[in-house]
Protein backbone atom coordinates (compact mmCIF):
# COMPACT_ATOMS: atom_id res chain seq x y z
CA UNK A 1 21.28 31.97 8.91
CA UNK A 2 17.62 31.23 9.58
CA UNK A 3 16.81 32.09 5.98
CA UNK A 4 19.39 29.58 4.71
CA UNK A 5 18.00 26.85 6.95
CA UNK A 6 14.46 27.63 5.86
CA UNK A 7 15.45 27.46 2.19
CA UNK A 8 17.39 24.24 2.74
CA UNK A 9 14.57 22.53 4.58
CA UNK A 10 12.05 23.43 1.88
CA UNK A 11 14.23 22.09 -0.91
CA UNK A 12 15.26 18.91 0.90
CA UNK A 13 11.75 17.95 1.97
CA UNK A 14 9.97 15.93 -0.68
CA UNK A 15 6.87 17.65 -1.93
CA UNK A 16 3.57 15.83 -2.04
CA UNK A 17 3.07 14.47 -5.53
CA UNK A 18 -0.05 15.78 -7.18
CA UNK A 19 -2.29 13.59 -9.29
CA UNK A 20 -1.57 14.03 -12.99
CA UNK A 21 -4.48 12.70 -15.09
CA UNK A 22 -2.45 11.74 -18.16
CA UNK A 23 0.57 10.22 -16.41
CA UNK A 24 -0.73 8.70 -13.19
CA UNK A 25 -3.12 5.91 -12.37
CA UNK A 26 -6.41 7.16 -10.95
CA UNK A 27 -6.68 6.94 -7.15
CA UNK A 28 -9.90 4.91 -7.46
CA UNK A 29 -8.07 2.31 -9.54
CA UNK A 30 -5.30 2.12 -6.94
CA UNK A 31 -7.83 1.71 -4.14
CA UNK A 32 -9.58 -1.08 -6.05
CA UNK A 33 -6.26 -2.84 -6.68
CA UNK A 34 -5.33 -2.51 -2.99
CA UNK A 35 -8.63 -4.07 -1.95
CA UNK A 36 -8.09 -6.90 -4.42
CA UNK A 37 -4.60 -7.61 -3.10
CA UNK A 38 -5.80 -7.55 0.51
CA UNK A 39 -8.70 -9.89 -0.25
CA UNK A 40 -6.44 -12.35 -2.08
CA UNK A 41 -3.92 -12.28 0.79
CA UNK A 42 -6.72 -12.89 3.28
CA UNK A 43 -8.04 -15.80 1.22
CA UNK A 44 -4.58 -17.39 1.03
CA UNK A 45 -4.06 -16.95 4.76
CA UNK A 46 -7.44 -18.43 5.64
CA UNK A 47 -6.87 -21.34 3.27
CA UNK A 48 -3.52 -22.05 4.91
CA UNK A 49 -5.13 -22.00 8.36
CA UNK A 50 -7.92 -24.29 7.15
CA UNK A 51 -5.39 -26.80 5.82
CA UNK A 52 -3.49 -26.73 9.12
CA UNK A 53 -6.67 -27.25 11.13
CA UNK A 54 -7.79 -30.06 8.83
CA UNK A 55 -4.45 -31.80 9.17
CA UNK A 56 -4.58 -31.46 12.97
CA UNK A 57 -8.08 -32.93 13.11
CA UNK A 58 -7.48 -35.79 10.69
CA UNK A 59 -3.87 -36.62 11.46
């Protein structure tokens, strides 16, 4: 019984995907893309806040 549960849990759990150099994007490229997305999102958010503050001051 314990053996069946052990086997079942190992097959149902998703294994950690290993990096495959020919198929996958390099982790450094993913990290750079993530930083770019975060910086763009921060810029858009700060621009939105700046517009709101400017409208509150002027209007």
